[in-house]
Amino acid sequence: PSEWPGIEAFAASFEPIPYIAWVIPCLLLALTFPVMISCI
């Protein structure tokens, strides 16, 4: 929703797959970006 609905409403409509789908690449990016910079 465009405005924060509150934690109860957020949890009630929570969909784990879309959530996991964006968190995982962020986690992986935090691992590979420093490696790339170390090579530079």
PDB file of all heavy atoms in Angstrom:
ATOM      1  N   PRO A   1       0.838  -1.211   0.000  1.00  0.00           N
ATOM      2  CA  PRO A   1       0.000   0.000   0.000  1.00  0.00           C
ATOM      3  C   PRO A   1       0.867   1.253   0.000  1.00  0.00           C
ATOM      4  O   PRO A   1       2.021   1.219   0.437  1.00  0.00           O
ATOM      5  CB  PRO A   1      -0.804  -0.126   1.301  1.00  0.00           C
ATOM      6  CG  PRO A   1      -0.002  -1.054   2.169  1.00  0.00           C
ATOM      7  CD  PRO A   1       0.673  -2.008   1.236  1.00  0.00           C
ATOM      8  N   SER A   2       0.335   2.345  -0.504  1.00  0.00           N
ATOM      9  CA  SER A   2       1.104   3.586  -0.614  1.00  0.00           C
ATOM     10  C   SER A   2       1.463   4.147   0.755  1.00  0.00           C
ATOM     11  O   SER A   2       2.460   4.844   0.902  1.00  0.00           O
ATOM     12  CB  SER A   2       0.320   4.634  -1.412  1.00  0.00           C
ATOM     13  OG  SER A   2      -0.945   4.866  -0.804  1.00  0.00           O
ATOM     14  N   GLU A   3       0.667   3.848   1.778  1.00  0.00           N
ATOM     15  CA  GLU A   3       0.945   4.336   3.127  1.00  0.00           C
ATOM     16  C   GLU A   3       1.088   3.150   4.057  1.00  0.00           C
ATOM     17  O   GLU A   3       0.462   2.104   3.869  1.00  0.00           O
ATOM     18  CB  GLU A   3      -0.195   5.246   3.606  1.00  0.00           C
ATOM     19  CG  GLU A   3      -0.404   6.412   2.688  1.00  0.00           C
ATOM     20  CD  GLU A   3      -0.597   7.712   3.440  1.00  0.00           C
ATOM     21  OE1 GLU A   3      -0.823   7.681   4.631  1.00  0.00           O
ATOM     22  OE2 GLU A   3      -0.482   8.745   2.781  1.00  0.00           O
ATOM     23  N   TRP A   4       1.956   3.291   5.049  1.00  0.00           N
ATOM     24  CA  TRP A   4       2.193   2.212   6.004  1.00  0.00           C
ATOM     25  C   TRP A   4       0.894   1.865   6.737  1.00  0.00           C
ATOM     26  O   TRP A   4       0.296   2.711   7.406  1.00  0.00           O
ATOM     27  CB  TRP A   4       3.265   2.634   6.999  1.00  0.00           C
ATOM     28  CG  TRP A   4       3.504   1.669   8.118  1.00  0.00           C
ATOM     29  CD1 TRP A   4       3.267   1.876   9.446  1.00  0.00           C
ATOM     30  CD2 TRP A   4       4.037   0.344   8.005  1.00  0.00           C
ATOM     31  NE1 TRP A   4       3.606   0.773  10.178  1.00  0.00           N
ATOM     32  CE2 TRP A   4       4.083  -0.196   9.319  1.00  0.00           C
ATOM     33  CE3 TRP A   4       4.461  -0.444   6.950  1.00  0.00           C
ATOM     34  CZ2 TRP A   4       4.555  -1.476   9.592  1.00  0.00           C
ATOM     35  CZ3 TRP A   4       4.925  -1.726   7.210  1.00  0.00           C
ATOM     36  CH2 TRP A   4       4.970  -2.224   8.502  1.00  0.00           C
ATOM     37  N   PRO A   5       0.439   0.604   6.633  1.00  0.00           N
ATOM     38  CA  PRO A   5      -0.867   0.239   7.205  1.00  0.00           C
ATOM     39  C   PRO A   5      -0.817  -0.160   8.677  1.00  0.00           C
ATOM     40  O   PRO A   5      -1.862  -0.398   9.283  1.00  0.00           O
ATOM     41  CB  PRO A   5      -1.266  -0.965   6.343  1.00  0.00           C
ATOM     42  CG  PRO A   5       0.040  -1.619   6.025  1.00  0.00           C
ATOM     43  CD  PRO A   5       1.037  -0.492   5.880  1.00  0.00           C
ATOM     44  N   GLY A   6       0.379  -0.246   9.222  1.00  0.00           N
ATOM     45  CA  GLY A   6       0.523  -0.759  10.588  1.00  0.00           C
ATOM     46  C   GLY A   6       1.022  -2.190  10.536  1.00  0.00           C
ATOM     47  O   GLY A   6       0.806  -2.911   9.551  1.00  0.00           O
ATOM     48  N   ILE A   7       1.679  -2.628  11.584  1.00  0.00           N
ATOM     49  CA  ILE A   7       2.339  -3.933  11.557  1.00  0.00           C
ATOM     50  C   ILE A   7       1.353  -5.091  11.477  1.00  0.00           C
ATOM     51  O   ILE A   7       1.631  -6.104  10.814  1.00  0.00           O
ATOM     52  CB  ILE A   7       3.266  -4.099  12.792  1.00  0.00           C
ATOM     53  CG1 ILE A   7       4.121  -5.357  12.653  1.00  0.00           C
ATOM     54  CG2 ILE A   7       2.472  -4.076  14.080  1.00  0.00           C
ATOM     55  CD1 ILE A   7       5.033  -5.382  11.455  1.00  0.00           C
ATOM     56  N   GLU A   8       0.202  -4.950  12.090  1.00  0.00           N
ATOM     57  CA  GLU A   8      -0.774  -6.047  12.054  1.00  0.00           C
ATOM     58  C   GLU A   8      -1.301  -6.268  10.641  1.00  0.00           C
ATOM     59  O   GLU A   8      -1.373  -7.403  10.159  1.00  0.00           O
ATOM     60  CB  GLU A   8      -1.930  -5.757  13.016  1.00  0.00           C
ATOM     61  CG  GLU A   8      -1.526  -5.667  14.481  1.00  0.00           C
ATOM     62  CD  GLU A   8      -0.957  -6.972  15.004  1.00  0.00           C
ATOM     63  OE1 GLU A   8      -1.299  -8.040  14.452  1.00  0.00           O
ATOM     64  OE2 GLU A   8      -0.174  -6.938  15.969  1.00  0.00           O
ATOM     65  N   ALA A   9      -1.665  -5.184   9.958  1.00  0.00           N
ATOM     66  CA  ALA A   9      -2.163  -5.297   8.585  1.00  0.00           C
ATOM     67  C   ALA A   9      -1.053  -5.758   7.647  1.00  0.00           C
ATOM     68  O   ALA A   9      -1.298  -6.550   6.722  1.00  0.00           O
ATOM     69  CB  ALA A   9      -2.718  -3.945   8.122  1.00  0.00           C
ATOM     70  N   PHE A  10       0.179  -5.279   7.883  1.00  0.00           N
ATOM     71  CA  PHE A  10       1.310  -5.705   7.056  1.00  0.00           C
ATOM     72  C   PHE A  10       1.534  -7.202   7.196  1.00  0.00           C
ATOM     73  O   PHE A  10       1.726  -7.910   6.201  1.00  0.00           O
ATOM     74  CB  PHE A  10       2.566  -4.934   7.464  1.00  0.00           C
ATOM     75  CG  PHE A  10       3.812  -5.363   6.739  1.00  0.00           C
ATOM     76  CD1 PHE A  10       4.129  -4.842   5.497  1.00  0.00           C
ATOM     77  CD2 PHE A  10       4.676  -6.290   7.308  1.00  0.00           C
ATOM     78  CE1 PHE A  10       5.281  -5.245   4.818  1.00  0.00           C
ATOM     79  CE2 PHE A  10       5.827  -6.706   6.647  1.00  0.00           C
ATOM     80  CZ  PHE A  10       6.125  -6.177   5.395  1.00  0.00           C
ATOM     81  N   ALA A  11       1.530  -7.684   8.425  1.00  0.00           N
ATOM     82  CA  ALA A  11       1.761  -9.110   8.671  1.00  0.00           C
ATOM     83  C   ALA A  11       0.642  -9.967   8.084  1.00  0.00           C
ATOM     84  O   ALA A  11       0.892 -11.067   7.566  1.00  0.00           O
ATOM     85  CB  ALA A  11       1.885  -9.367  10.172  1.00  0.00           C
ATOM     86  N   ALA A  12      -0.599  -9.465   8.126  1.00  0.00           N
ATOM     87  CA  ALA A  12      -1.745 -10.234   7.616  1.00  0.00           C
ATOM     88  C   ALA A  12      -1.668 -10.415   6.104  1.00  0.00           C
ATOM     89  O   ALA A  12      -2.120 -11.433   5.573  1.00  0.00           O
ATOM     90  CB  ALA A  12      -3.048  -9.532   8.002  1.00  0.00           C
ATOM     91  N   SER A  13      -1.095  -9.426   5.407  1.00  0.00           N
ATOM     92  CA  SER A  13      -1.014  -9.510   3.944  1.00  0.00           C
ATOM     93  C   SER A  13       0.389  -9.913   3.452  1.00  0.00           C
ATOM     94  O   SER A  13       0.657  -9.849   2.256  1.00  0.00           O
ATOM     95  CB  SER A  13      -1.383  -8.150   3.331  1.00  0.00           C
ATOM     96  OG  SER A  13      -0.475  -7.143   3.763  1.00  0.00           O
ATOM     97  N   PHE A  14       1.233 -10.326   4.372  1.00  0.00           N
ATOM     98  CA  PHE A  14       2.630 -10.639   4.039  1.00  0.00           C
ATOM     99  C   PHE A  14       2.725 -11.841   3.106  1.00  0.00           C
ATOM    100  O   PHE A  14       2.118 -12.875   3.341  1.00  0.00           O
ATOM    101  CB  PHE A  14       3.413 -10.921   5.323  1.00  0.00           C
ATOM    102  CG  PHE A  14       4.852 -11.266   5.099  1.00  0.00           C
ATOM    103  CD1 PHE A  14       5.778 -10.291   4.735  1.00  0.00           C
ATOM    104  CD2 PHE A  14       5.293 -12.575   5.246  1.00  0.00           C
ATOM    105  CE1 PHE A  14       7.110 -10.603   4.540  1.00  0.00           C
ATOM    106  CE2 PHE A  14       6.634 -12.901   5.056  1.00  0.00           C
ATOM    107  CZ  PHE A  14       7.540 -11.912   4.699  1.00  0.00           C
ATOM    108  N   GLU A  15       3.509 -11.680   2.016  1.00  0.00           N
ATOM    109  CA  GLU A  15       3.773 -12.769   1.084  1.00  0.00           C
ATOM    110  C   GLU A  15       5.268 -13.056   1.107  1.00  0.00           C
ATOM    111  O   GLU A  15       6.082 -12.230   0.674  1.00  0.00           O
ATOM    112  CB  GLU A  15       3.329 -12.397  -0.322  1.00  0.00           C
ATOM    113  CG  GLU A  15       1.822 -12.183  -0.446  1.00  0.00           C
ATOM    114  CD  GLU A  15       1.412 -11.884  -1.873  1.00  0.00           C
ATOM    115  OE1 GLU A  15       2.211 -12.172  -2.798  1.00  0.00           O
ATOM    116  OE2 GLU A  15       0.309 -11.357  -2.068  1.00  0.00           O
ATOM    117  N   PRO A  16       5.669 -14.225   1.609  1.00  0.00           N
ATOM    118  CA  PRO A  16       7.096 -14.504   1.818  1.00  0.00           C
ATOM    119  C   PRO A  16       7.936 -14.590   0.542  1.00  0.00           C
ATOM    120  O   PRO A  16       9.093 -14.181   0.542  1.00  0.00           O
ATOM    121  CB  PRO A  16       7.091 -15.842   2.565  1.00  0.00           C
ATOM    122  CG  PRO A  16       5.761 -16.457   2.279  1.00  0.00           C
ATOM    123  CD  PRO A  16       4.818 -15.319   2.112  1.00  0.00           C
ATOM    124  N   ILE A  17       7.362 -15.099  -0.554  1.00  0.00           N
ATOM    125  CA  ILE A  17       8.173 -15.301  -1.765  1.00  0.00           C
ATOM    126  C   ILE A  17       8.650 -13.979  -2.372  1.00  0.00           C
ATOM    127  O   ILE A  17       9.845 -13.819  -2.652  1.00  0.00           O
ATOM    128  CB  ILE A  17       7.410 -16.158  -2.797  1.00  0.00           C
ATOM    129  CG1 ILE A  17       7.234 -17.581  -2.254  1.00  0.00           C
ATOM    130  CG2 ILE A  17       8.162 -16.183  -4.127  1.00  0.00           C
ATOM    131  CD1 ILE A  17       6.468 -18.504  -3.162  1.00  0.00           C
ATOM    132  N   PRO A  18       7.770 -12.988  -2.614  1.00  0.00           N
ATOM    133  CA  PRO A  18       8.265 -11.700  -3.111  1.00  0.00           C
ATOM    134  C   PRO A  18       9.247 -11.036  -2.152  1.00  0.00           C
ATOM    135  O   PRO A  18      10.188 -10.366  -2.577  1.00  0.00           O
ATOM    136  CB  PRO A  18       6.989 -10.871  -3.279  1.00  0.00           C
ATOM    137  CG  PRO A  18       5.891 -11.862  -3.408  1.00  0.00           C
ATOM    138  CD  PRO A  18       6.300 -13.004  -2.539  1.00  0.00           C
ATOM    139  N   TYR A  19       9.018 -11.231  -0.859  1.00  0.00           N
ATOM    140  CA  TYR A  19       9.907 -10.653   0.156  1.00  0.00           C
ATOM    141  C   TYR A  19      11.296 -11.276   0.072  1.00  0.00           C
ATOM    142  O   TYR A  19      12.316 -10.573   0.015  1.00  0.00           O
ATOM    143  CB  TYR A  19       9.290 -10.880   1.534  1.00  0.00           C
ATOM    144  CG  TYR A  19      10.114 -10.359   2.689  1.00  0.00           C
ATOM    145  CD1 TYR A  19      10.048  -9.022   3.076  1.00  0.00           C
ATOM    146  CD2 TYR A  19      10.940 -11.208   3.420  1.00  0.00           C
ATOM    147  CE1 TYR A  19      10.784  -8.548   4.147  1.00  0.00           C
ATOM    148  CE2 TYR A  19      11.683 -10.747   4.486  1.00  0.00           C
ATOM    149  CZ  TYR A  19      11.608  -9.417   4.848  1.00  0.00           C
ATOM    150  OH  TYR A  19      12.348  -8.951   5.911  1.00  0.00           O
ATOM    151  N   ILE A  20      11.344 -12.602   0.043  1.00  0.00           N
ATOM    152  CA  ILE A  20      12.627 -13.311  -0.051  1.00  0.00           C
ATOM    153  C   ILE A  20      13.331 -12.972  -1.358  1.00  0.00           C
ATOM    154  O   ILE A  20      14.559 -12.832  -1.409  1.00  0.00           O
ATOM    155  CB  ILE A  20      12.398 -14.837   0.055  1.00  0.00           C
ATOM    156  CG1 ILE A  20      11.923 -15.210   1.462  1.00  0.00           C
ATOM    157  CG2 ILE A  20      13.669 -15.605  -0.287  1.00  0.00           C
ATOM    158  CD1 ILE A  20      11.487 -16.654   1.587  1.00  0.00           C
ATOM    159  N   ALA A  21      12.540 -12.809  -2.426  1.00  0.00           N
ATOM    160  CA  ALA A  21      13.104 -12.581  -3.757  1.00  0.00           C
ATOM    161  C   ALA A  21      13.919 -11.293  -3.848  1.00  0.00           C
ATOM    162  O   ALA A  21      14.839 -11.207  -4.664  1.00  0.00           O
ATOM    163  CB  ALA A  21      11.987 -12.559  -4.805  1.00  0.00           C
ATOM    164  N   TRP A  22      13.589 -10.279  -3.038  1.00  0.00           N
ATOM    165  CA  TRP A  22      14.395  -9.049  -3.099  1.00  0.00           C
ATOM    166  C   TRP A  22      15.460  -8.984  -2.006  1.00  0.00           C
ATOM    167  O   TRP A  22      16.481  -8.320  -2.174  1.00  0.00           O
ATOM    168  CB  TRP A  22      13.513  -7.797  -3.052  1.00  0.00           C
ATOM    169  CG  TRP A  22      12.971  -7.391  -1.709  1.00  0.00           C
ATOM    170  CD1 TRP A  22      11.737  -7.671  -1.217  1.00  0.00           C
ATOM    171  CD2 TRP A  22      13.631  -6.615  -0.696  1.00  0.00           C
ATOM    172  NE1 TRP A  22      11.589  -7.135   0.039  1.00  0.00           N
ATOM    173  CE2 TRP A  22      12.730  -6.471   0.384  1.00  0.00           C
ATOM    174  CE3 TRP A  22      14.885  -6.024  -0.594  1.00  0.00           C
ATOM    175  CZ2 TRP A  22      13.051  -5.774   1.550  1.00  0.00           C
ATOM    176  CZ3 TRP A  22      15.207  -5.323   0.565  1.00  0.00           C
ATOM    177  CH2 TRP A  22      14.302  -5.202   1.612  1.00  0.00           C
ATOM    178  N   VAL A  23      15.243  -9.700  -0.888  1.00  0.00           N
ATOM    179  CA  VAL A  23      16.241  -9.669   0.186  1.00  0.00           C
ATOM    180  C   VAL A  23      17.485 -10.475  -0.187  1.00  0.00           C
ATOM    181  O   VAL A  23      18.622 -10.046   0.077  1.00  0.00           O
ATOM    182  CB  VAL A  23      15.636 -10.188   1.506  1.00  0.00           C
ATOM    183  CG1 VAL A  23      16.719 -10.278   2.589  1.00  0.00           C
ATOM    184  CG2 VAL A  23      14.516  -9.279   1.982  1.00  0.00           C
ATOM    185  N   ILE A  24      17.296 -11.620  -0.832  1.00  0.00           N
ATOM    186  CA  ILE A  24      18.431 -12.485  -1.167  1.00  0.00           C
ATOM    187  C   ILE A  24      19.460 -11.791  -2.066  1.00  0.00           C
ATOM    188  O   ILE A  24      20.664 -11.834  -1.769  1.00  0.00           O
ATOM    189  CB  ILE A  24      17.947 -13.809  -1.793  1.00  0.00           C
ATOM    190  CG1 ILE A  24      17.325 -14.696  -0.710  1.00  0.00           C
ATOM    191  CG2 ILE A  24      19.099 -14.546  -2.477  1.00  0.00           C
ATOM    192  CD1 ILE A  24      16.805 -16.012  -1.211  1.00  0.00           C
ATOM    193  N   PRO A  25      19.067 -11.150  -3.177  1.00  0.00           N
ATOM    194  CA  PRO A  25      20.092 -10.485  -3.992  1.00  0.00           C
ATOM    195  C   PRO A  25      20.801  -9.352  -3.249  1.00  0.00           C
ATOM    196  O   PRO A  25      21.976  -9.088  -3.506  1.00  0.00           O
ATOM    197  CB  PRO A  25      19.319  -9.956  -5.199  1.00  0.00           C
ATOM    198  CG  PRO A  25      17.896  -9.891  -4.763  1.00  0.00           C
ATOM    199  CD  PRO A  25      17.738 -11.030  -3.806  1.00  0.00           C
ATOM    200  N   CYS A  26      20.107  -8.684  -2.335  1.00  0.00           N
ATOM    201  CA  CYS A  26      20.753  -7.639  -1.533  1.00  0.00           C
ATOM    202  C   CYS A  26      21.828  -8.244  -0.638  1.00  0.00           C
ATOM    203  O   CYS A  26      22.912  -7.672  -0.472  1.00  0.00           O
ATOM    204  CB  CYS A  26      19.721  -6.912  -0.688  1.00  0.00           C
ATOM    205  SG  CYS A  26      18.555  -5.912  -1.622  1.00  0.00           S
ATOM    206  N   LEU A  27      21.522  -9.395  -0.047  1.00  0.00           N
ATOM    207  CA  LEU A  27      22.492 -10.098   0.784  1.00  0.00           C
ATOM    208  C   LEU A  27      23.696 -10.540  -0.041  1.00  0.00           C
ATOM    209  O   LEU A  27      24.855 -10.361   0.364  1.00  0.00           O
ATOM    210  CB  LEU A  27      21.823 -11.312   1.443  1.00  0.00           C
ATOM    211  CG  LEU A  27      22.720 -12.241   2.262  1.00  0.00           C
ATOM    212  CD1 LEU A  27      23.338 -11.493   3.439  1.00  0.00           C
ATOM    213  CD2 LEU A  27      21.917 -13.444   2.763  1.00  0.00           C
ATOM    214  N   LEU A  28      23.445 -11.092  -1.219  1.00  0.00           N
ATOM    215  CA  LEU A  28      24.532 -11.544  -2.086  1.00  0.00           C
ATOM    216  C   LEU A  28      25.373 -10.372  -2.592  1.00  0.00           C
ATOM    217  O   LEU A  28      26.596 -10.475  -2.715  1.00  0.00           O
ATOM    218  CB  LEU A  28      23.958 -12.331  -3.267  1.00  0.00           C
ATOM    219  CG  LEU A  28      23.248 -13.646  -2.901  1.00  0.00           C
ATOM    220  CD1 LEU A  28      22.584 -14.238  -4.145  1.00  0.00           C
ATOM    221  CD2 LEU A  28      24.228 -14.634  -2.291  1.00  0.00           C
ATOM    222  N   LEU A  29      24.717  -9.244  -2.864  1.00  0.00           N
ATOM    223  CA  LEU A  29      25.427  -8.049  -3.318  1.00  0.00           C
ATOM    224  C   LEU A  29      26.391  -7.554  -2.246  1.00  0.00           C
ATOM    225  O   LEU A  29      27.502  -7.102  -2.555  1.00  0.00           O
ATOM    226  CB  LEU A  29      24.417  -6.953  -3.666  1.00  0.00           C
ATOM    227  CG  LEU A  29      24.961  -5.641  -4.230  1.00  0.00           C
ATOM    228  CD1 LEU A  29      25.711  -5.883  -5.535  1.00  0.00           C
ATOM    229  CD2 LEU A  29      23.822  -4.646  -4.452  1.00  0.00           C
ATOM    230  N   ALA A  30      25.982  -7.662  -0.988  1.00  0.00           N
ATOM    231  CA  ALA A  30      26.851  -7.242   0.117  1.00  0.00           C
ATOM    232  C   ALA A  30      28.090  -8.124   0.229  1.00  0.00           C
ATOM    233  O   ALA A  30      29.090  -7.722   0.829  1.00  0.00           O
ATOM    234  CB  ALA A  30      26.070  -7.270   1.431  1.00  0.00           C
ATOM    235  N   LEU A  31      28.043  -9.307  -0.366  1.00  0.00           N
ATOM    236  CA  LEU A  31      29.183 -10.214  -0.336  1.00  0.00           C
ATOM    237  C   LEU A  31      30.112 -10.023  -1.538  1.00  0.00           C
ATOM    238  O   LEU A  31      31.342 -10.092  -1.394  1.00  0.00           O
ATOM    239  CB  LEU A  31      28.691 -11.666  -0.290  1.00  0.00           C
ATOM    240  CG  LEU A  31      27.793 -12.054   0.891  1.00  0.00           C
ATOM    241  CD1 LEU A  31      27.359 -13.504   0.769  1.00  0.00           C
ATOM    242  CD2 LEU A  31      28.499 -11.808   2.216  1.00  0.00           C
ATOM    243  N   THR A  32      29.543  -9.786  -2.714  1.00  0.00           N
ATOM    244  CA  THR A  32      30.377  -9.742  -3.920  1.00  0.00           C
ATOM    245  C   THR A  32      30.924  -8.358  -4.247  1.00  0.00           C
ATOM    246  O   THR A  32      31.987  -8.249  -4.858  1.00  0.00           O
ATOM    247  CB  THR A  32      29.599 -10.271  -5.142  1.00  0.00           C
ATOM    248  OG1 THR A  32      28.419  -9.474  -5.346  1.00  0.00           O
ATOM    249  CG2 THR A  32      29.203 -11.725  -4.946  1.00  0.00           C
ATOM    250  N   PHE A  33      30.220  -7.297  -3.840  1.00  0.00           N
ATOM    251  CA  PHE A  33      30.713  -5.943  -4.138  1.00  0.00           C
ATOM    252  C   PHE A  33      32.071  -5.670  -3.491  1.00  0.00           C
ATOM    253  O   PHE A  33      32.982  -5.172  -4.164  1.00  0.00           O
ATOM    254  CB  PHE A  33      29.686  -4.899  -3.693  1.00  0.00           C
ATOM    255  CG  PHE A  33      30.135  -3.472  -3.905  1.00  0.00           C
ATOM    256  CD1 PHE A  33      30.214  -2.935  -5.188  1.00  0.00           C
ATOM    257  CD2 PHE A  33      30.481  -2.674  -2.827  1.00  0.00           C
ATOM    258  CE1 PHE A  33      30.639  -1.615  -5.385  1.00  0.00           C
ATOM    259  CE2 PHE A  33      30.894  -1.359  -3.013  1.00  0.00           C
ATOM    260  CZ  PHE A  33      30.972  -0.833  -4.293  1.00  0.00           C
ATOM    261  N   PRO A  34      32.274  -5.995  -2.201  1.00  0.00           N
ATOM    262  CA  PRO A  34      33.605  -5.789  -1.624  1.00  0.00           C
ATOM    263  C   PRO A  34      34.699  -6.611  -2.319  1.00  0.00           C
ATOM    264  O   PRO A  34      35.841  -6.155  -2.423  1.00  0.00           O
ATOM    265  CB  PRO A  34      33.437  -6.229  -0.161  1.00  0.00           C
ATOM    266  CG  PRO A  34      31.989  -6.052   0.122  1.00  0.00           C
ATOM    267  CD  PRO A  34      31.307  -6.414  -1.171  1.00  0.00           C
ATOM    268  N   VAL A  35      34.349  -7.802  -2.793  1.00  0.00           N
ATOM    269  CA  VAL A  35      35.323  -8.626  -3.522  1.00  0.00           C
ATOM    270  C   VAL A  35      35.729  -7.931  -4.818  1.00  0.00           C
ATOM    271  O   VAL A  35      36.916  -7.866  -5.176  1.00  0.00           O
ATOM    272  CB  VAL A  35      34.749 -10.030  -3.810  1.00  0.00           C
ATOM    273  CG1 VAL A  35      35.727 -10.841  -4.665  1.00  0.00           C
ATOM    274  CG2 VAL A  35      34.454 -10.762  -2.509  1.00  0.00           C
ATOM    275  N   MET A  36      34.748  -7.396  -5.537  1.00  0.00           N
ATOM    276  CA  MET A  36      35.031  -6.679  -6.775  1.00  0.00           C
ATOM    277  C   MET A  36      35.932  -5.472  -6.522  1.00  0.00           C
ATOM    278  O   MET A  36      36.898  -5.226  -7.253  1.00  0.00           O
ATOM    279  CB  MET A  36      33.723  -6.229  -7.432  1.00  0.00           C
ATOM    280  CG  MET A  36      33.905  -5.559  -8.785  1.00  0.00           C
ATOM    281  SD  MET A  36      32.360  -4.827  -9.425  1.00  0.00           S
ATOM    282  CE  MET A  36      32.274  -3.334  -8.398  1.00  0.00           C
ATOM    283  N   ILE A  37      35.638  -4.725  -5.456  1.00  0.00           N
ATOM    284  CA  ILE A  37      36.439  -3.544  -5.136  1.00  0.00           C
ATOM    285  C   ILE A  37      37.853  -3.944  -4.723  1.00  0.00           C
ATOM    286  O   ILE A  37      38.823  -3.241  -5.038  1.00  0.00           O
ATOM    287  CB  ILE A  37      35.764  -2.710  -4.029  1.00  0.00           C
ATOM    288  CG1 ILE A  37      34.401  -2.191  -4.504  1.00  0.00           C
ATOM    289  CG2 ILE A  37      36.655  -1.540  -3.613  1.00  0.00           C
ATOM    290  CD1 ILE A  37      34.470  -1.274  -5.711  1.00  0.00           C
ATOM    291  N   SER A  38      37.991  -5.074  -4.043  1.00  0.00           N
ATOM    292  CA  SER A  38      39.334  -5.530  -3.661  1.00  0.00           C
ATOM    293  C   SER A  38      40.168  -5.853  -4.894  1.00  0.00           C
ATOM    294  O   SER A  38      41.380  -5.600  -4.918  1.00  0.00           O
ATOM    295  CB  SER A  38      39.246  -6.749  -2.736  1.00  0.00           C
ATOM    296  OG  SER A  38      38.777  -7.891  -3.431  1.00  0.00           O
ATOM    297  N   CYS A  39      39.525  -6.381  -5.926  1.00  0.00           N
ATOM    298  CA  CYS A  39      40.245  -6.667  -7.174  1.00  0.00           C
ATOM    299  C   CYS A  39      40.626  -5.366  -7.885  1.00  0.00           C
ATOM    300  O   CYS A  39      41.706  -5.284  -8.497  1.00  0.00           O
ATOM    301  CB  CYS A  39      39.395  -7.553  -8.079  1.00  0.00           C
ATOM    302  SG  CYS A  39      39.149  -9.220  -7.427  1.00  0.00           S
ATOM    303  N   ILE A  40      39.772  -4.353  -7.812  1.00  0.00           N
ATOM    304  CA  ILE A  40      40.113  -3.051  -8.388  1.00  0.00           C
ATOM    305  C   ILE A  40      41.296  -2.445  -7.634  1.00  0.00           C
ATOM    306  O   ILE A  40      42.146  -1.772  -8.227  1.00  0.00           O
ATOM    307  CB  ILE A  40      38.896  -2.105  -8.350  1.00  0.00           C
ATOM    308  CG1 ILE A  40      37.804  -2.627  -9.296  1.00  0.00           C
ATOM    309  CG2 ILE A  40      39.289  -0.678  -8.748  1.00  0.00           C
ATOM    310  CD1 ILE A  40      36.525  -1.823  -9.266  1.00  0.00           C
TER     311      ILE A  40
END
